Amino acid sequence: MNLRTTATWLMACASLAAAPLAGAGIDDDLRALQREWAEVKYRRPSSEQEKGFQALAARAASVREKYADRAEADIWYGIIVASYAGAKGGLGALSLAKDAKGALEHALQIDPKALSGSAYTSLGSLYYQVPGWPIGFGDDDKARELLNKALALNPDGIDPNFFLGDFLYRQRDFDGARKALERALKSPPRPDRPLADAGRRDEIKALLAKLPARAARTD
């Protein structure tokens, strides 16, 4: 099977929740993780991201332990560890990707609707970016199923639409990718996530620019 570069896992970090964080104690801890994640991903040079995500993953592990019964903590741990895997790259990152997968699956067991279905988005993005058997657990059919579940819960969200667009682009469904990416650009802004929104919109525009001309036209 053709090995997909593990560096693309950096994108898997990203299913950022559009819904507000729930719970008095957990809010501040998770917002701190969200802010630092965006700083590392969108403001640090790629050469510094591995160390940044490594340190952030340790803090996310503490938050996850503190809120062991909360899906939101599992989701953000999974997002950050997947980001660490992407920054690390290579086959050595597979164990990190599997750790992220486990956290996201646990989140779905607790509350599949948490953070507007962000566990589905993040897990789906892992499934289409991680190598398939016998190297990894990647599975395009599973990715499509999970991303569709994410969109059912959050049809206007910037992240589920972006990742569906990226998935369809890789599947060479350029018209489908364009539609998903244009929906992502129309997503309402998240007032508490300006850096994450700006970075994601830049990624969406860059991917739209890669589409063939016939697929890039607006209907």
C-alpha atoms as a PDB file:
ATOM      1  CA  MET A   1       0.000   0.000   0.000  1.00  0.00           C
ATOM      2  CA  ASN A   2       1.280   3.462  -0.823  1.00  0.00           C
ATOM      3  CA  LEU A   3       2.582   5.107   2.384  1.00  0.00           C
ATOM      4  CA  ARG A   4       1.129   8.538   3.032  1.00  0.00           C
ATOM      5  CA  THR A   5       3.598  10.860   4.668  1.00  0.00           C
ATOM      6  CA  THR A   6       2.985  11.090   8.372  1.00  0.00           C
ATOM      7  CA  ALA A   7       3.754  14.791   8.235  1.00  0.00           C
ATOM      8  CA  THR A   8       0.214  15.312   7.022  1.00  0.00           C
ATOM      9  CA  TRP A   9      -0.969  14.345  10.463  1.00  0.00           C
ATOM     10  CA  LEU A  10      -0.325  17.961  11.438  1.00  0.00           C
ATOM     11  CA  MET A  11      -3.671  18.683   9.849  1.00  0.00           C
ATOM     12  CA  ALA A  12      -5.369  16.110  11.990  1.00  0.00           C
ATOM     13  CA  CYS A  13      -4.910  18.276  15.003  1.00  0.00           C
ATOM     14  CA  ALA A  14      -7.521  20.403  14.065  1.00  0.00           C
ATOM     15  CA  SER A  15     -11.085  19.663  14.579  1.00  0.00           C
ATOM     16  CA  LEU A  16     -11.622  22.672  16.817  1.00  0.00           C
ATOM     17  CA  ALA A  17     -14.996  22.889  18.488  1.00  0.00           C
ATOM     18  CA  ALA A  18     -17.431  25.566  17.468  1.00  0.00           C
ATOM     19  CA  ALA A  19     -19.568  25.021  20.556  1.00  0.00           C
ATOM     20  CA  PRO A  20     -18.775  26.718  23.877  1.00  0.00           C
ATOM     21  CA  LEU A  21     -16.983  24.629  26.456  1.00  0.00           C
ATOM     22  CA  ALA A  22     -19.267  23.230  29.132  1.00  0.00           C
ATOM     23  CA  GLY A  23     -18.638  23.124  32.873  1.00  0.00           C
ATOM     24  CA  ALA A  24     -17.307  25.746  35.256  1.00  0.00           C
ATOM     25  CA  GLY A  25     -13.935  24.183  36.153  1.00  0.00           C
ATOM     26  CA  ILE A  26     -13.149  22.693  32.796  1.00  0.00           C
ATOM     27  CA  ASP A  27     -13.693  25.885  30.801  1.00  0.00           C
ATOM     28  CA  ASP A  28     -10.521  27.709  31.763  1.00  0.00           C
ATOM     29  CA  ASP A  29      -8.299  24.648  31.466  1.00  0.00           C
ATOM     30  CA  LEU A  30      -9.534  23.755  27.999  1.00  0.00           C
ATOM     31  CA  ARG A  31      -9.501  27.325  26.741  1.00  0.00           C
ATOM     32  CA  ALA A  32      -5.856  27.543  27.787  1.00  0.00           C
ATOM     33  CA  LEU A  33      -5.111  24.406  25.754  1.00  0.00           C
ATOM     34  CA  GLN A  34      -7.034  25.813  22.785  1.00  0.00           C
ATOM     35  CA  ARG A  35      -5.153  29.102  22.848  1.00  0.00           C
ATOM     36  CA  GLU A  36      -1.724  27.504  23.081  1.00  0.00           C
ATOM     37  CA  TRP A  37      -2.584  24.954  20.392  1.00  0.00           C
ATOM     38  CA  ALA A  38      -3.415  27.787  17.993  1.00  0.00           C
ATOM     39  CA  GLU A  39      -0.238  29.652  18.939  1.00  0.00           C
ATOM     40  CA  VAL A  40       1.950  26.613  18.249  1.00  0.00           C
ATOM     41  CA  LYS A  41       0.177  25.630  15.034  1.00  0.00           C
ATOM     42  CA  TYR A  42      -0.228  29.017  13.414  1.00  0.00           C
ATOM     43  CA  ARG A  43       2.505  31.206  14.866  1.00  0.00           C
ATOM     44  CA  ARG A  44       5.516  28.983  15.466  1.00  0.00           C
ATOM     45  CA  PRO A  45       7.811  27.941  12.617  1.00  0.00           C
ATOM     46  CA  SER A  46       7.535  24.280  11.672  1.00  0.00           C
ATOM     47  CA  SER A  47      10.996  23.609  13.131  1.00  0.00           C
ATOM     48  CA  GLU A  48       9.709  24.516  16.606  1.00  0.00           C
ATOM     49  CA  GLN A  49       6.312  22.849  16.513  1.00  0.00           C
ATOM     50  CA  GLU A  50       7.370  19.381  17.631  1.00  0.00           C
ATOM     51  CA  LYS A  51       8.716  20.645  20.959  1.00  0.00           C
ATOM     52  CA  GLY A  52       5.756  22.962  21.378  1.00  0.00           C
ATOM     53  CA  PHE A  53       3.204  20.209  20.884  1.00  0.00           C
ATOM     54  CA  GLN A  54       5.213  17.793  23.034  1.00  0.00           C
ATOM     55  CA  ALA A  55       5.036  20.171  25.978  1.00  0.00           C
ATOM     56  CA  LEU A  56       1.389  20.937  25.321  1.00  0.00           C
ATOM     57  CA  ALA A  57       0.562  17.210  25.163  1.00  0.00           C
ATOM     58  CA  ALA A  58       1.924  16.791  28.685  1.00  0.00           C
ATOM     59  CA  ARG A  59      -0.353  19.568  29.938  1.00  0.00           C
ATOM     60  CA  ALA A  60      -3.289  18.100  28.042  1.00  0.00           C
ATOM     61  CA  ALA A  61      -2.638  14.753  29.743  1.00  0.00           C
ATOM     62  CA  SER A  62      -2.940  16.455  33.140  1.00  0.00           C
ATOM     63  CA  VAL A  63      -6.218  18.089  32.121  1.00  0.00           C
ATOM     64  CA  ARG A  64      -7.508  14.765  30.835  1.00  0.00           C
ATOM     65  CA  GLU A  65      -6.651  13.084  34.132  1.00  0.00           C
ATOM     66  CA  LYS A  66      -8.309  15.890  36.079  1.00  0.00           C
ATOM     67  CA  TYR A  67     -11.540  15.562  34.095  1.00  0.00           C
ATOM     68  CA  ALA A  68     -11.535  11.841  33.437  1.00  0.00           C
ATOM     69  CA  ASP A  69     -15.300  11.745  33.001  1.00  0.00           C
ATOM     70  CA  ARG A  70     -15.475  14.569  30.448  1.00  0.00           C
ATOM     71  CA  ALA A  71     -15.425  13.934  26.705  1.00  0.00           C
ATOM     72  CA  GLU A  72     -14.120  17.469  26.078  1.00  0.00           C
ATOM     73  CA  ALA A  73     -10.861  16.692  27.869  1.00  0.00           C
ATOM     74  CA  ASP A  74     -10.402  13.520  25.804  1.00  0.00           C
ATOM     75  CA  ILE A  75     -11.112  15.441  22.601  1.00  0.00           C
ATOM     76  CA  TRP A  76      -8.507  18.109  23.258  1.00  0.00           C
ATOM     77  CA  TYR A  77      -5.950  15.551  24.358  1.00  0.00           C
ATOM     78  CA  GLY A  78      -6.567  13.688  21.090  1.00  0.00           C
ATOM     79  CA  ILE A  79      -6.289  16.865  19.019  1.00  0.00           C
ATOM     80  CA  ILE A  80      -3.011  17.898  20.637  1.00  0.00           C
ATOM     81  CA  VAL A  81      -1.393  14.443  20.523  1.00  0.00           C
ATOM     82  CA  ALA A  82      -2.379  14.102  16.861  1.00  0.00           C
ATOM     83  CA  SER A  83      -0.736  17.477  16.246  1.00  0.00           C
ATOM     84  CA  TYR A  84       2.384  16.276  18.048  1.00  0.00           C
ATOM     85  CA  ALA A  85       2.404  13.195  15.781  1.00  0.00           C
ATOM     86  CA  GLY A  86       2.170  15.390  12.720  1.00  0.00           C
ATOM     87  CA  ALA A  87       5.005  17.639  13.815  1.00  0.00           C
ATOM     88  CA  LYS A  88       7.167  14.653  14.735  1.00  0.00           C
ATOM     89  CA  GLY A  89       6.512  12.788  11.474  1.00  0.00           C
ATOM     90  CA  GLY A  90       7.871   9.443  10.361  1.00  0.00           C
ATOM     91  CA  LEU A  91       6.881   5.977  11.494  1.00  0.00           C
ATOM     92  CA  GLY A  92       7.890   6.908  15.029  1.00  0.00           C
ATOM     93  CA  ALA A  93       4.753   9.044  15.199  1.00  0.00           C
ATOM     94  CA  LEU A  94       2.430   6.059  14.746  1.00  0.00           C
ATOM     95  CA  SER A  95       2.248   5.373  18.469  1.00  0.00           C
ATOM     96  CA  LEU A  96       1.192   8.974  19.060  1.00  0.00           C
ATOM     97  CA  ALA A  97      -1.507   8.706  16.394  1.00  0.00           C
ATOM     98  CA  LYS A  98      -2.809   5.528  18.023  1.00  0.00           C
ATOM     99  CA  ASP A  99      -2.851   7.285  21.403  1.00  0.00           C
ATOM    100  CA  ALA A 100      -4.873  10.143  19.898  1.00  0.00           C
ATOM    101  CA  LYS A 101      -7.245   7.638  18.306  1.00  0.00           C
ATOM    102  CA  GLY A 102      -7.843   5.944  21.644  1.00  0.00           C
ATOM    103  CA  ALA A 103      -8.625   9.234  23.362  1.00  0.00           C
ATOM    104  CA  LEU A 104     -11.074  10.272  20.664  1.00  0.00           C
ATOM    105  CA  GLU A 105     -12.812   6.892  20.719  1.00  0.00           C
ATOM    106  CA  HIS A 106     -13.145   7.214  24.486  1.00  0.00           C
ATOM    107  CA  ALA A 107     -14.685  10.653  24.045  1.00  0.00           C
ATOM    108  CA  LEU A 108     -17.291   9.156  21.725  1.00  0.00           C
ATOM    109  CA  GLN A 109     -18.150   6.560  24.352  1.00  0.00           C
ATOM    110  CA  ILE A 110     -18.726   9.303  26.938  1.00  0.00           C
ATOM    111  CA  ASP A 111     -20.594  11.820  24.785  1.00  0.00           C
ATOM    112  CA  PRO A 112     -20.536  11.699  20.968  1.00  0.00           C
ATOM    113  CA  LYS A 113     -22.179  15.134  20.777  1.00  0.00           C
ATOM    114  CA  ALA A 114     -19.530  16.880  22.896  1.00  0.00           C
ATOM    115  CA  LEU A 115     -18.081  20.018  21.291  1.00  0.00           C
ATOM    116  CA  SER A 116     -20.524  19.670  18.400  1.00  0.00           C
ATOM    117  CA  GLY A 117     -19.199  16.239  17.417  1.00  0.00           C
ATOM    118  CA  SER A 118     -15.539  17.258  17.279  1.00  0.00           C
ATOM    119  CA  ALA A 119     -14.385  13.746  18.204  1.00  0.00           C
ATOM    120  CA  TYR A 120     -15.910  12.497  14.940  1.00  0.00           C
ATOM    121  CA  THR A 121     -14.091  15.213  12.979  1.00  0.00           C
ATOM    122  CA  SER A 122     -10.699  14.596  14.553  1.00  0.00           C
ATOM    123  CA  LEU A 123     -10.985  10.827  14.354  1.00  0.00           C
ATOM    124  CA  GLY A 124     -12.135  10.993  10.748  1.00  0.00           C
ATOM    125  CA  SER A 125      -9.169  13.172   9.825  1.00  0.00           C
ATOM    126  CA  LEU A 126      -6.809  10.658  11.428  1.00  0.00           C
ATOM    127  CA  TYR A 127      -8.357   7.770   9.519  1.00  0.00           C
ATOM    128  CA  TYR A 128      -7.700   9.325   6.105  1.00  0.00           C
ATOM    129  CA  GLN A 129      -4.235  10.672   6.896  1.00  0.00           C
ATOM    130  CA  VAL A 130      -2.622   7.792   8.788  1.00  0.00           C
ATOM    131  CA  PRO A 131      -1.217   4.966   6.626  1.00  0.00           C
ATOM    132  CA  GLY A 132      -3.437   1.941   6.202  1.00  0.00           C
ATOM    133  CA  TRP A 133      -2.822  -1.695   7.040  1.00  0.00           C
ATOM    134  CA  PRO A 134      -0.287  -3.247   7.601  1.00  0.00           C
ATOM    135  CA  ILE A 135       1.505  -0.096   8.763  1.00  0.00           C
ATOM    136  CA  GLY A 136      -1.263   1.871  10.441  1.00  0.00           C
ATOM    137  CA  PHE A 137      -5.009   2.013  10.982  1.00  0.00           C
ATOM    138  CA  GLY A 138      -5.892   4.328   8.085  1.00  0.00           C
ATOM    139  CA  ASP A 139      -9.187   3.589   6.329  1.00  0.00           C
ATOM    140  CA  ASP A 140     -10.830   5.936   3.824  1.00  0.00           C
ATOM    141  CA  ASP A 141     -14.269   4.371   4.168  1.00  0.00           C
ATOM    142  CA  LYS A 142     -14.154   4.817   7.933  1.00  0.00           C
ATOM    143  CA  ALA A 143     -12.936   8.390   7.478  1.00  0.00           C
ATOM    144  CA  ARG A 144     -15.893   9.238   5.248  1.00  0.00           C
ATOM    145  CA  GLU A 145     -18.346   7.696   7.722  1.00  0.00           C
ATOM    146  CA  LEU A 146     -16.916   9.667  10.654  1.00  0.00           C
ATOM    147  CA  LEU A 147     -16.745  12.964   8.790  1.00  0.00           C
ATOM    148  CA  ASN A 148     -20.360  12.590   7.709  1.00  0.00           C
ATOM    149  CA  LYS A 149     -21.361  11.992  11.330  1.00  0.00           C
ATOM    150  CA  ALA A 150     -19.488  15.147  12.320  1.00  0.00           C
ATOM    151  CA  LEU A 151     -21.338  17.159   9.683  1.00  0.00           C
ATOM    152  CA  ALA A 152     -24.683  15.770  10.808  1.00  0.00           C
ATOM    153  CA  LEU A 153     -24.009  17.311  14.217  1.00  0.00           C
ATOM    154  CA  ASN A 154     -22.334  20.498  12.996  1.00  0.00           C
ATOM    155  CA  PRO A 155     -23.288  21.121   9.343  1.00  0.00           C
ATOM    156  CA  ASP A 156     -22.049  24.709   9.274  1.00  0.00           C
ATOM    157  CA  GLY A 157     -18.832  24.156  11.226  1.00  0.00           C
ATOM    158  CA  ILE A 158     -15.567  25.337   9.721  1.00  0.00           C
ATOM    159  CA  ASP A 159     -13.598  22.267  10.765  1.00  0.00           C
ATOM    160  CA  PRO A 160     -15.840  19.377   9.649  1.00  0.00           C
ATOM    161  CA  ASN A 161     -16.361  21.084   6.292  1.00  0.00           C
ATOM    162  CA  PHE A 162     -12.646  21.771   5.886  1.00  0.00           C
ATOM    163  CA  PHE A 163     -11.647  18.199   6.651  1.00  0.00           C
ATOM    164  CA  LEU A 164     -14.354  16.795   4.395  1.00  0.00           C
ATOM    165  CA  GLY A 165     -13.053  19.090   1.660  1.00  0.00           C
ATOM    166  CA  ASP A 166      -9.492  17.939   2.212  1.00  0.00           C
ATOM    167  CA  PHE A 167     -10.590  14.302   2.214  1.00  0.00           C
ATOM    168  CA  LEU A 168     -12.538  14.706  -1.028  1.00  0.00           C
ATOM    169  CA  TYR A 169      -9.605  16.559  -2.598  1.00  0.00           C
ATOM    170  CA  ARG A 170      -7.371  13.572  -1.848  1.00  0.00           C
ATOM    171  CA  GLN A 171     -10.066  11.324  -3.334  1.00  0.00           C
ATOM    172  CA  ARG A 172      -9.959  13.521  -6.451  1.00  0.00           C
ATOM    173  CA  ASP A 173     -13.599  14.482  -6.000  1.00  0.00           C
ATOM    174  CA  PHE A 174     -12.794  18.095  -6.825  1.00  0.00           C
ATOM    175  CA  ASP A 175     -16.375  19.330  -7.162  1.00  0.00           C
ATOM    176  CA  GLY A 176     -17.293  17.831  -3.813  1.00  0.00           C
ATOM    177  CA  ALA A 177     -14.158  19.293  -2.273  1.00  0.00           C
ATOM    178  CA  ARG A 178     -14.959  22.753  -3.614  1.00  0.00           C
ATOM    179  CA  LYS A 179     -18.482  22.679  -2.188  1.00  0.00           C
ATOM    180  CA  ALA A 180     -17.270  21.583   1.235  1.00  0.00           C
ATOM    181  CA  LEU A 181     -14.483  24.165   1.320  1.00  0.00           C
ATOM    182  CA  GLU A 182     -16.793  26.974   0.266  1.00  0.00           C
ATOM    183  CA  ARG A 183     -19.190  25.970   3.037  1.00  0.00           C
ATOM    184  CA  ALA A 184     -16.273  26.088   5.432  1.00  0.00           C
ATOM    185  CA  LEU A 185     -15.437  29.640   4.390  1.00  0.00           C
ATOM    186  CA  LYS A 186     -19.029  30.685   5.075  1.00  0.00           C
ATOM    187  CA  SER A 187     -18.942  29.283   8.600  1.00  0.00           C
ATOM    188  CA  PRO A 188     -19.793  31.802  11.319  1.00  0.00           C
ATOM    189  CA  PRO A 189     -16.758  33.117  13.206  1.00  0.00           C
ATOM    190  CA  ARG A 190     -16.023  31.865  16.697  1.00  0.00           C
ATOM    191  CA  PRO A 191     -15.517  35.001  18.812  1.00  0.00           C
ATOM    192  CA  ASP A 192     -13.229  33.240  21.289  1.00  0.00           C
ATOM    193  CA  ARG A 193     -11.132  31.567  18.560  1.00  0.00           C
ATOM    194  CA  PRO A 194      -9.877  34.358  16.258  1.00  0.00           C
ATOM    195  CA  LEU A 195      -6.393  32.935  15.669  1.00  0.00           C
ATOM    196  CA  ALA A 196      -7.684  29.417  15.011  1.00  0.00           C
ATOM    197  CA  ASP A 197     -10.337  30.747  12.626  1.00  0.00           C
ATOM    198  CA  ALA A 198      -7.841  32.899  10.734  1.00  0.00           C
ATOM    199  CA  GLY A 199      -5.374  30.040  10.397  1.00  0.00           C
ATOM    200  CA  ARG A 200      -8.030  27.607   9.249  1.00  0.00           C
ATOM    201  CA  ARG A 201      -9.381  30.048   6.667  1.00  0.00           C
ATOM    202  CA  ASP A 202      -5.877  30.443   5.255  1.00  0.00           C
ATOM    203  CA  GLU A 203      -5.665  26.652   4.932  1.00  0.00           C
ATOM    204  CA  ILE A 204      -9.037  26.538   3.200  1.00  0.00           C
ATOM    205  CA  LYS A 205      -8.035  29.221   0.695  1.00  0.00           C
ATOM    206  CA  ALA A 206      -4.745  27.454  -0.010  1.00  0.00           C
ATOM    207  CA  LEU A 207      -6.563  24.197  -0.716  1.00  0.00           C
ATOM    208  CA  LEU A 208      -9.138  25.904  -2.927  1.00  0.00           C
ATOM    209  CA  ALA A 209      -6.252  27.342  -4.955  1.00  0.00           C
ATOM    210  CA  LYS A 210      -5.038  23.803  -5.672  1.00  0.00           C
ATOM    211  CA  LEU A 211      -8.324  22.708  -7.228  1.00  0.00           C
ATOM    212  CA  PRO A 212      -8.493  22.355 -10.998  1.00  0.00           C
ATOM    213  CA  ALA A 213      -9.994  25.416 -12.680  1.00  0.00           C
ATOM    214  CA  ARG A 214     -13.238  23.655 -13.587  1.00  0.00           C
ATOM    215  CA  ALA A 215     -13.814  22.741  -9.941  1.00  0.00           C
ATOM    216  CA  ALA A 216     -12.830  26.134  -8.623  1.00  0.00           C
ATOM    217  CA  ARG A 217     -15.694  28.013 -10.291  1.00  0.00           C
ATOM    218  CA  THR A 218     -18.543  29.161  -8.071  1.00  0.00           C
ATOM    219  CA  ASP A 219     -21.967  27.965  -9.224  1.00  0.00           C
END
